[in-house]
Amino acid sequence: MPKSKGFTLLEAIVALVLIATTGVGLLDWINSNFIILQRVKASQQRQEAVRNALIFMESVNPLEEPQGEKTVGVQQYRWQSRTIYPPKSGLQANGAFSIFEVSLYDTEMQVSVENQVIARFTVRQVGFRQVFTDTSEDN
């Protein structure tokens, strides 16, 4: 029997099947990692958008501006406030009435980027407005 050198056709096919199977498994693993990475990126984008929206809402007084829309950078904020407690006179620490009227609101927020909604949440806010002028003088 003559000894053959090199691969036989059957050995080459088996080697190709093993390489292809390993390659498919590796590509599937890489693809699932890309999908996970995209989800993490979207989650981080939502968290950043919510954080920015909360910072923005600190400047919004729901008693004066109960609803609105504002674009800051690439993010669009849309809000609608609902009164929980109607406006009433505020109290100072000593029990005297303050010069402000206050009320409590639940504000529904919607954050969009490029007209795609990426976050919706509710924030509870205090609304206020000055109703009296402080006429007391400090001596």
N, C-alpha and C. Protein backbone atom coordinates (compact mmCIF):
# COMPACT_ATOMS: atom_id res chain seq x y z
N MET A 1 0.83 -1.18 0.00
CA MET A 1 0.00 0.00 0.00
C MET A 1 0.87 1.25 0.00
N PRO A 2 0.62 2.08 -0.96
CA PRO A 2 1.43 3.31 -0.98
C PRO A 2 0.92 4.28 0.08
N LYS A 3 1.86 4.93 0.72
CA LYS A 3 1.50 5.95 1.72
C LYS A 3 1.21 7.26 1.00
N SER A 4 0.09 7.88 1.38
CA SER A 4 -0.25 9.16 0.75
C SER A 4 0.23 10.30 1.64
N LYS A 5 0.63 11.31 0.99
CA LYS A 5 1.07 12.51 1.70
C LYS A 5 -0.01 13.57 1.55
N GLY A 6 -0.24 14.36 2.64
CA GLY A 6 -1.23 15.42 2.60
C GLY A 6 -2.59 14.96 3.08
N PHE A 7 -3.59 15.79 2.81
CA PHE A 7 -4.95 15.53 3.25
C PHE A 7 -5.72 14.76 2.20
N THR A 8 -6.63 13.93 2.68
CA THR A 8 -7.58 13.32 1.76
C THR A 8 -8.76 14.27 1.64
N LEU A 9 -9.57 14.02 0.67
CA LEU A 9 -10.74 14.88 0.47
C LEU A 9 -11.66 14.84 1.70
N LEU A 10 -11.84 13.69 2.30
CA LEU A 10 -12.70 13.56 3.48
C LEU A 10 -12.14 14.36 4.65
N GLU A 11 -10.85 14.32 4.85
CA GLU A 11 -10.22 15.10 5.93
C GLU A 11 -10.39 16.60 5.70
N ALA A 12 -10.28 17.02 4.47
CA ALA A 12 -10.45 18.44 4.14
C ALA A 12 -11.88 18.89 4.41
N ILE A 13 -12.86 18.04 4.06
CA ILE A 13 -14.27 18.39 4.30
C ILE A 13 -14.55 18.47 5.80
N VAL A 14 -14.05 17.52 6.56
CA VAL A 14 -14.24 17.54 8.02
C VAL A 14 -13.61 18.81 8.61
N ALA A 15 -12.43 19.16 8.17
CA ALA A 15 -11.76 20.37 8.67
C ALA A 15 -12.58 21.62 8.34
N LEU A 16 -13.11 21.70 7.11
CA LEU A 16 -13.93 22.85 6.72
C LEU A 16 -15.22 22.93 7.54
N VAL A 17 -15.84 21.79 7.81
CA VAL A 17 -17.07 21.78 8.62
C VAL A 17 -16.75 22.28 10.03
N LEU A 18 -15.65 21.83 10.62
CA LEU A 18 -15.27 22.28 11.96
C LEU A 18 -14.99 23.78 11.98
N ILE A 19 -14.27 24.26 10.99
CA ILE A 19 -13.97 25.70 10.92
C ILE A 19 -15.25 26.51 10.72
N ALA A 20 -16.14 26.05 9.85
CA ALA A 20 -17.40 26.77 9.60
C ALA A 20 -18.28 26.78 10.84
N THR A 21 -18.36 25.65 11.54
CA THR A 21 -19.18 25.59 12.76
C THR A 21 -18.64 26.55 13.82
N THR A 22 -17.33 26.53 13.98
CA THR A 22 -16.71 27.44 14.95
C THR A 22 -16.94 28.89 14.53
N GLY A 23 -16.80 29.19 13.24
CA GLY A 23 -16.99 30.55 12.73
C GLY A 23 -18.41 31.04 12.95
N VAL A 24 -19.39 30.17 12.69
CA VAL A 24 -20.80 30.56 12.88
C VAL A 24 -21.06 30.86 14.36
N GLY A 25 -20.53 30.01 15.23
CA GLY A 25 -20.70 30.25 16.67
C GLY A 25 -20.05 31.55 17.10
N LEU A 26 -18.87 31.83 16.58
CA LEU A 26 -18.16 33.07 16.91
C LEU A 26 -18.91 34.29 16.40
N LEU A 27 -19.41 34.22 15.17
CA LEU A 27 -20.18 35.35 14.62
C LEU A 27 -21.47 35.59 15.40
N ASP A 28 -22.12 34.52 15.82
CA ASP A 28 -23.33 34.65 16.64
C ASP A 28 -23.01 35.32 17.97
N TRP A 29 -21.90 34.94 18.57
CA TRP A 29 -21.48 35.53 19.85
C TRP A 29 -21.17 37.02 19.66
N ILE A 30 -20.46 37.37 18.58
CA ILE A 30 -20.14 38.77 18.31
C ILE A 30 -21.42 39.57 18.07
N ASN A 31 -22.37 39.00 17.32
CA ASN A 31 -23.63 39.68 17.04
C ASN A 31 -24.42 39.93 18.33
N SER A 32 -24.49 38.94 19.20
CA SER A 32 -25.22 39.14 20.46
C SER A 32 -24.54 40.19 21.32
N ASN A 33 -23.21 40.28 21.28
CA ASN A 33 -22.51 41.32 22.02
C ASN A 33 -22.81 42.70 21.45
N PHE A 34 -22.92 42.82 20.13
CA PHE A 34 -23.29 44.10 19.52
C PHE A 34 -24.71 44.51 19.92
N ILE A 35 -25.62 43.57 19.97
CA ILE A 35 -27.00 43.87 20.38
C ILE A 35 -27.02 44.35 21.82
N ILE A 36 -26.29 43.66 22.69
CA ILE A 36 -26.22 44.08 24.10
C ILE A 36 -25.61 45.47 24.21
N LEU A 37 -24.58 45.74 23.44
CA LEU A 37 -23.93 47.05 23.45
C LEU A 37 -24.90 48.14 23.01
N GLN A 38 -25.73 47.87 22.01
CA GLN A 38 -26.71 48.85 21.55
C GLN A 38 -27.75 49.12 22.64
N ARG A 39 -28.18 48.07 23.35
CA ARG A 39 -29.14 48.26 24.44
C ARG A 39 -28.55 49.07 25.57
N VAL A 40 -27.30 48.80 25.90
CA VAL A 40 -26.63 49.57 26.96
C VAL A 40 -26.52 51.04 26.55
N LYS A 41 -26.16 51.27 25.30
CA LYS A 41 -26.04 52.65 24.80
C LYS A 41 -27.39 53.37 24.85
N ALA A 42 -28.46 52.69 24.44
CA ALA A 42 -29.80 53.29 24.49
C ALA A 42 -30.22 53.57 25.93
N SER A 43 -29.90 52.67 26.84
CA SER A 43 -30.22 52.88 28.25
C SER A 43 -29.47 54.07 28.82
N GLN A 44 -28.19 54.19 28.47
CA GLN A 44 -27.42 55.34 28.93
C GLN A 44 -27.96 56.64 28.36
N GLN A 45 -28.38 56.60 27.10
CA GLN A 45 -28.95 57.79 26.48
C GLN A 45 -30.25 58.19 27.19
N ARG A 46 -31.09 57.21 27.54
CA ARG A 46 -32.33 57.51 28.26
C ARG A 46 -32.02 58.09 29.64
N GLN A 47 -31.06 57.50 30.35
CA GLN A 47 -30.72 58.00 31.68
C GLN A 47 -30.20 59.43 31.61
N GLU A 48 -29.36 59.72 30.63
CA GLU A 48 -28.84 61.07 30.47
C GLU A 48 -29.95 62.04 30.12
N ALA A 49 -30.87 61.62 29.25
CA ALA A 49 -31.99 62.48 28.87
C ALA A 49 -32.89 62.78 30.06
N VAL A 50 -33.17 61.77 30.88
CA VAL A 50 -34.01 61.98 32.08
C VAL A 50 -33.30 62.92 33.04
N ARG A 51 -32.01 62.71 33.25
CA ARG A 51 -31.24 63.58 34.15
C ARG A 51 -31.28 65.03 33.66
N ASN A 52 -31.06 65.23 32.35
CA ASN A 52 -31.11 66.58 31.79
C ASN A 52 -32.50 67.19 31.90
N ALA A 53 -33.54 66.37 31.68
CA ALA A 53 -34.91 66.87 31.77
C ALA A 53 -35.24 67.28 33.21
N LEU A 54 -34.78 66.51 34.19
CA LEU A 54 -35.02 66.87 35.59
C LEU A 54 -34.32 68.18 35.94
N ILE A 55 -33.11 68.35 35.44
CA ILE A 55 -32.41 69.62 35.68
C ILE A 55 -33.16 70.76 35.02
N PHE A 56 -33.65 70.55 33.79
CA PHE A 56 -34.42 71.58 33.11
C PHE A 56 -35.70 71.92 33.87
N MET A 57 -36.39 70.89 34.38
CA MET A 57 -37.67 71.12 35.06
C MET A 57 -37.52 71.90 36.36
N GLU A 58 -36.31 71.97 36.91
CA GLU A 58 -36.10 72.80 38.10
C GLU A 58 -36.36 74.27 37.79
N SER A 59 -36.22 74.66 36.52
CA SER A 59 -36.44 76.05 36.13
C SER A 59 -37.89 76.32 35.71
N VAL A 60 -38.72 75.29 35.67
CA VAL A 60 -40.12 75.45 35.25
C VAL A 60 -41.01 75.51 36.49
N ASN A 61 -41.82 76.56 36.56
CA ASN A 61 -42.78 76.72 37.64
C ASN A 61 -44.15 76.28 37.12
N PRO A 62 -44.66 75.11 37.56
CA PRO A 62 -45.90 74.60 36.97
C PRO A 62 -47.13 75.46 37.27
N LEU A 63 -47.07 76.32 38.28
CA LEU A 63 -48.18 77.22 38.55
C LEU A 63 -48.25 78.30 37.48
N GLU A 64 -47.10 78.74 37.00
CA GLU A 64 -47.04 79.78 35.97
C GLU A 64 -47.06 79.19 34.56
N GLU A 65 -46.50 77.98 34.40
CA GLU A 65 -46.38 77.36 33.08
C GLU A 65 -46.77 75.88 33.19
N PRO A 66 -48.07 75.58 33.26
CA PRO A 66 -48.50 74.20 33.51
C PRO A 66 -48.22 73.23 32.37
N GLN A 67 -48.03 73.73 31.16
CA GLN A 67 -47.70 72.87 30.04
C GLN A 67 -46.78 73.62 29.11
N GLY A 68 -46.03 72.86 28.33
CA GLY A 68 -45.13 73.53 27.41
C GLY A 68 -44.26 72.57 26.65
N GLU A 69 -43.41 73.17 25.85
CA GLU A 69 -42.51 72.43 24.99
C GLU A 69 -41.25 73.25 24.83
N LYS A 70 -40.10 72.60 24.91
CA LYS A 70 -38.83 73.32 24.82
C LYS A 70 -37.79 72.39 24.21
N THR A 71 -36.94 72.93 23.34
CA THR A 71 -35.84 72.17 22.76
C THR A 71 -34.55 72.70 23.36
N VAL A 72 -33.76 71.78 23.90
CA VAL A 72 -32.46 72.11 24.47
C VAL A 72 -31.44 71.18 23.81
N GLY A 73 -30.59 71.76 22.97
CA GLY A 73 -29.65 70.93 22.22
C GLY A 73 -30.41 70.04 21.26
N VAL A 74 -30.19 68.72 21.35
CA VAL A 74 -30.88 67.78 20.47
C VAL A 74 -32.12 67.19 21.14
N GLN A 75 -32.34 67.55 22.40
CA GLN A 75 -33.46 66.96 23.15
C GLN A 75 -34.64 67.92 23.16
N GLN A 76 -35.84 67.34 22.94
CA GLN A 76 -37.08 68.12 23.03
C GLN A 76 -37.82 67.65 24.28
N TYR A 77 -38.23 68.63 25.10
CA TYR A 77 -38.99 68.33 26.32
C TYR A 77 -40.41 68.80 26.13
N ARG A 78 -41.35 67.96 26.51
CA ARG A 78 -42.77 68.30 26.47
C ARG A 78 -43.33 67.94 27.83
N TRP A 79 -44.07 68.86 28.46
CA TRP A 79 -44.61 68.57 29.79
C TRP A 79 -46.05 69.04 29.91
N GLN A 80 -46.76 68.36 30.80
CA GLN A 80 -48.16 68.66 31.11
C GLN A 80 -48.32 68.45 32.62
N SER A 81 -48.71 69.52 33.33
CA SER A 81 -48.85 69.43 34.79
C SER A 81 -50.30 69.22 35.17
N ARG A 82 -50.50 68.44 36.23
CA ARG A 82 -51.82 68.18 36.78
C ARG A 82 -51.79 68.59 38.25
N THR A 83 -52.76 69.40 38.66
CA THR A 83 -52.81 69.91 40.02
C THR A 83 -53.19 68.79 41.00
N ILE A 84 -52.39 68.62 42.04
CA ILE A 84 -52.71 67.68 43.11
C ILE A 84 -53.39 68.44 44.25
N TYR A 85 -52.78 69.55 44.65
CA TYR A 85 -53.37 70.43 45.67
C TYR A 85 -53.46 71.82 45.08
N PRO A 86 -54.64 72.44 45.14
CA PRO A 86 -54.81 73.77 44.53
C PRO A 86 -53.99 74.82 45.29
N PRO A 87 -53.75 75.95 44.64
CA PRO A 87 -52.94 77.00 45.28
C PRO A 87 -53.56 77.48 46.60
N LYS A 88 -52.68 77.66 47.57
CA LYS A 88 -53.09 78.23 48.86
C LYS A 88 -51.93 79.03 49.42
N SER A 89 -52.23 79.88 50.38
CA SER A 89 -51.20 80.73 50.97
C SER A 89 -50.15 79.89 51.67
N GLY A 90 -48.90 80.27 51.44
CA GLY A 90 -47.79 79.57 52.08
C GLY A 90 -47.60 80.06 53.50
N LEU A 91 -46.91 79.26 54.30
CA LEU A 91 -46.61 79.63 55.67
C LEU A 91 -45.11 79.73 55.88
N GLN A 92 -44.73 80.67 56.72
CA GLN A 92 -43.32 80.79 57.09
C GLN A 92 -43.04 79.84 58.25
N ALA A 93 -41.78 79.73 58.62
CA ALA A 93 -41.38 78.82 59.70
C ALA A 93 -42.02 79.21 61.03
N ASN A 94 -42.29 80.50 61.24
CA ASN A 94 -42.89 80.96 62.50
C ASN A 94 -44.42 80.87 62.49
N GLY A 95 -45.00 80.33 61.43
CA GLY A 95 -46.44 80.15 61.36
C GLY A 95 -47.18 81.28 60.67
N ALA A 96 -46.51 82.38 60.39
CA ALA A 96 -47.14 83.52 59.72
C ALA A 96 -47.27 83.21 58.23
N PHE A 97 -48.26 83.85 57.59
CA PHE A 97 -48.43 83.67 56.15
C PHE A 97 -47.25 84.27 55.41
N SER A 98 -46.83 83.59 54.35
CA SER A 98 -45.73 84.12 53.54
C SER A 98 -46.31 84.97 52.42
N ILE A 99 -45.43 85.54 51.63
CA ILE A 99 -45.88 86.38 50.51
C ILE A 99 -46.15 85.53 49.27
N PHE A 100 -46.03 84.21 49.40
CA PHE A 100 -46.21 83.32 48.26
C PHE A 100 -47.45 82.45 48.39
N GLU A 101 -48.00 82.12 47.26
CA GLU A 101 -49.06 81.13 47.14
C GLU A 101 -48.40 79.88 46.54
N VAL A 102 -48.69 78.72 47.09
CA VAL A 102 -48.04 77.49 46.64
C VAL A 102 -49.08 76.43 46.31
N SER A 103 -48.69 75.50 45.43
CA SER A 103 -49.55 74.37 45.09
C SER A 103 -48.64 73.20 44.66
N LEU A 104 -49.23 72.01 44.62
CA LEU A 104 -48.46 70.81 44.30
C LEU A 104 -48.96 70.22 42.98
N TYR A 105 -48.02 69.77 42.15
CA TYR A 105 -48.34 69.27 40.82
C TYR A 105 -47.63 67.96 40.53
N ASP A 106 -48.26 67.11 39.72
CA ASP A 106 -47.60 65.98 39.07
C ASP A 106 -47.41 66.41 37.62
N THR A 107 -46.17 66.39 37.17
CA THR A 107 -45.86 66.82 35.82
C THR A 107 -45.42 65.62 34.99
N GLU A 108 -46.17 65.35 33.93
CA GLU A 108 -45.83 64.28 33.00
C GLU A 108 -44.82 64.84 32.01
N MET A 109 -43.67 64.16 31.92
CA MET A 109 -42.60 64.61 31.03
C MET A 109 -42.44 63.62 29.87
N GLN A 110 -42.11 64.16 28.72
CA GLN A 110 -41.78 63.35 27.56
C GLN A 110 -40.50 63.93 26.96
N VAL A 111 -39.50 63.08 26.78
CA VAL A 111 -38.22 63.51 26.21
C VAL A 111 -38.05 62.83 24.86
N SER A 112 -37.75 63.64 23.84
CA SER A 112 -37.57 63.12 22.49
C SER A 112 -36.22 63.56 21.94
N VAL A 113 -35.67 62.73 21.07
CA VAL A 113 -34.47 63.09 20.31
C VAL A 113 -34.79 62.78 18.86
N GLU A 114 -34.66 63.79 18.01
CA GLU A 114 -34.98 63.66 16.59
C GLU A 114 -36.39 63.10 16.39
N ASN A 115 -37.34 63.64 17.12
CA ASN A 115 -38.77 63.28 17.06
C ASN A 115 -39.05 61.83 17.43
N GLN A 116 -38.13 61.19 18.14
CA GLN A 116 -38.36 59.84 18.64
C GLN A 116 -38.37 59.91 20.16
N VAL A 117 -39.49 59.48 20.76
CA VAL A 117 -39.62 59.52 22.22
C VAL A 117 -38.66 58.49 22.82
N ILE A 118 -37.79 58.97 23.73
CA ILE A 118 -36.85 58.05 24.36
C ILE A 118 -37.12 57.89 25.85
N ALA A 119 -37.96 58.76 26.43
CA ALA A 119 -38.26 58.63 27.86
C ALA A 119 -39.57 59.34 28.18
N ARG A 120 -40.32 58.73 29.10
CA ARG A 120 -41.53 59.32 29.68
C ARG A 120 -41.46 59.06 31.17
N PHE A 121 -41.79 60.09 31.97
CA PHE A 121 -41.78 59.92 33.41
C PHE A 121 -42.62 61.03 34.04
N THR A 122 -42.88 60.87 35.33
CA THR A 122 -43.65 61.85 36.09
C THR A 122 -42.77 62.41 37.20
N VAL A 123 -42.83 63.71 37.38
CA VAL A 123 -42.08 64.37 38.45
C VAL A 123 -43.06 65.21 39.27
N ARG A 124 -42.92 65.16 40.58
CA ARG A 124 -43.78 65.96 41.46
C ARG A 124 -43.08 67.28 41.74
N GLN A 125 -43.82 68.38 41.56
CA GLN A 125 -43.25 69.72 41.69
C GLN A 125 -44.13 70.62 42.54
N VAL A 126 -43.49 71.63 43.11
CA VAL A 126 -44.20 72.67 43.83
C VAL A 126 -44.27 73.88 42.91
N GLY A 127 -45.46 74.42 42.75
CA GLY A 127 -45.64 75.65 41.99
C GLY A 127 -45.83 76.79 42.97
N PHE A 128 -45.38 77.97 42.59
CA PHE A 128 -45.48 79.12 43.50
C PHE A 128 -45.61 80.41 42.70
N ARG A 129 -46.17 81.41 43.36
CA ARG A 129 -46.19 82.76 42.80
C ARG A 129 -46.31 83.74 43.94
N GLN A 130 -45.73 84.90 43.74
CA GLN A 130 -45.78 85.93 44.76
C GLN A 130 -47.12 86.64 44.67
N VAL A 131 -47.83 86.71 45.81
CA VAL A 131 -49.14 87.34 45.81
C VAL A 131 -49.17 88.61 46.64
N PHE A 132 -48.25 88.75 47.55
CA PHE A 132 -48.16 89.96 48.37
C PHE A 132 -46.76 90.52 48.24
N THR A 133 -46.66 91.81 48.46
CA THR A 133 -45.35 92.45 48.49
C THR A 133 -44.89 92.51 49.93
N ASP A 134 -43.66 92.14 50.18
CA ASP A 134 -43.10 92.16 51.52
C ASP A 134 -42.85 93.62 51.91
N THR A 135 -43.62 94.12 52.89
CA THR A 135 -43.49 95.50 53.31
C THR A 135 -42.71 95.64 54.60
N SER A 136 -42.25 94.53 55.16
CA SER A 136 -41.50 94.62 56.41
C SER A 136 -40.12 95.15 56.12
N GLU A 137 -39.59 95.90 57.07
CA GLU A 137 -38.26 96.47 56.94
C GLU A 137 -37.37 95.88 58.00
N ASP A 138 -36.16 95.50 57.62
CA ASP A 138 -35.19 94.98 58.58
C ASP A 138 -34.36 96.13 59.11
N ASN A 139 -34.34 96.31 60.43
CA ASN A 139 -33.55 97.39 61.04
C ASN A 139 -32.33 96.82 61.69
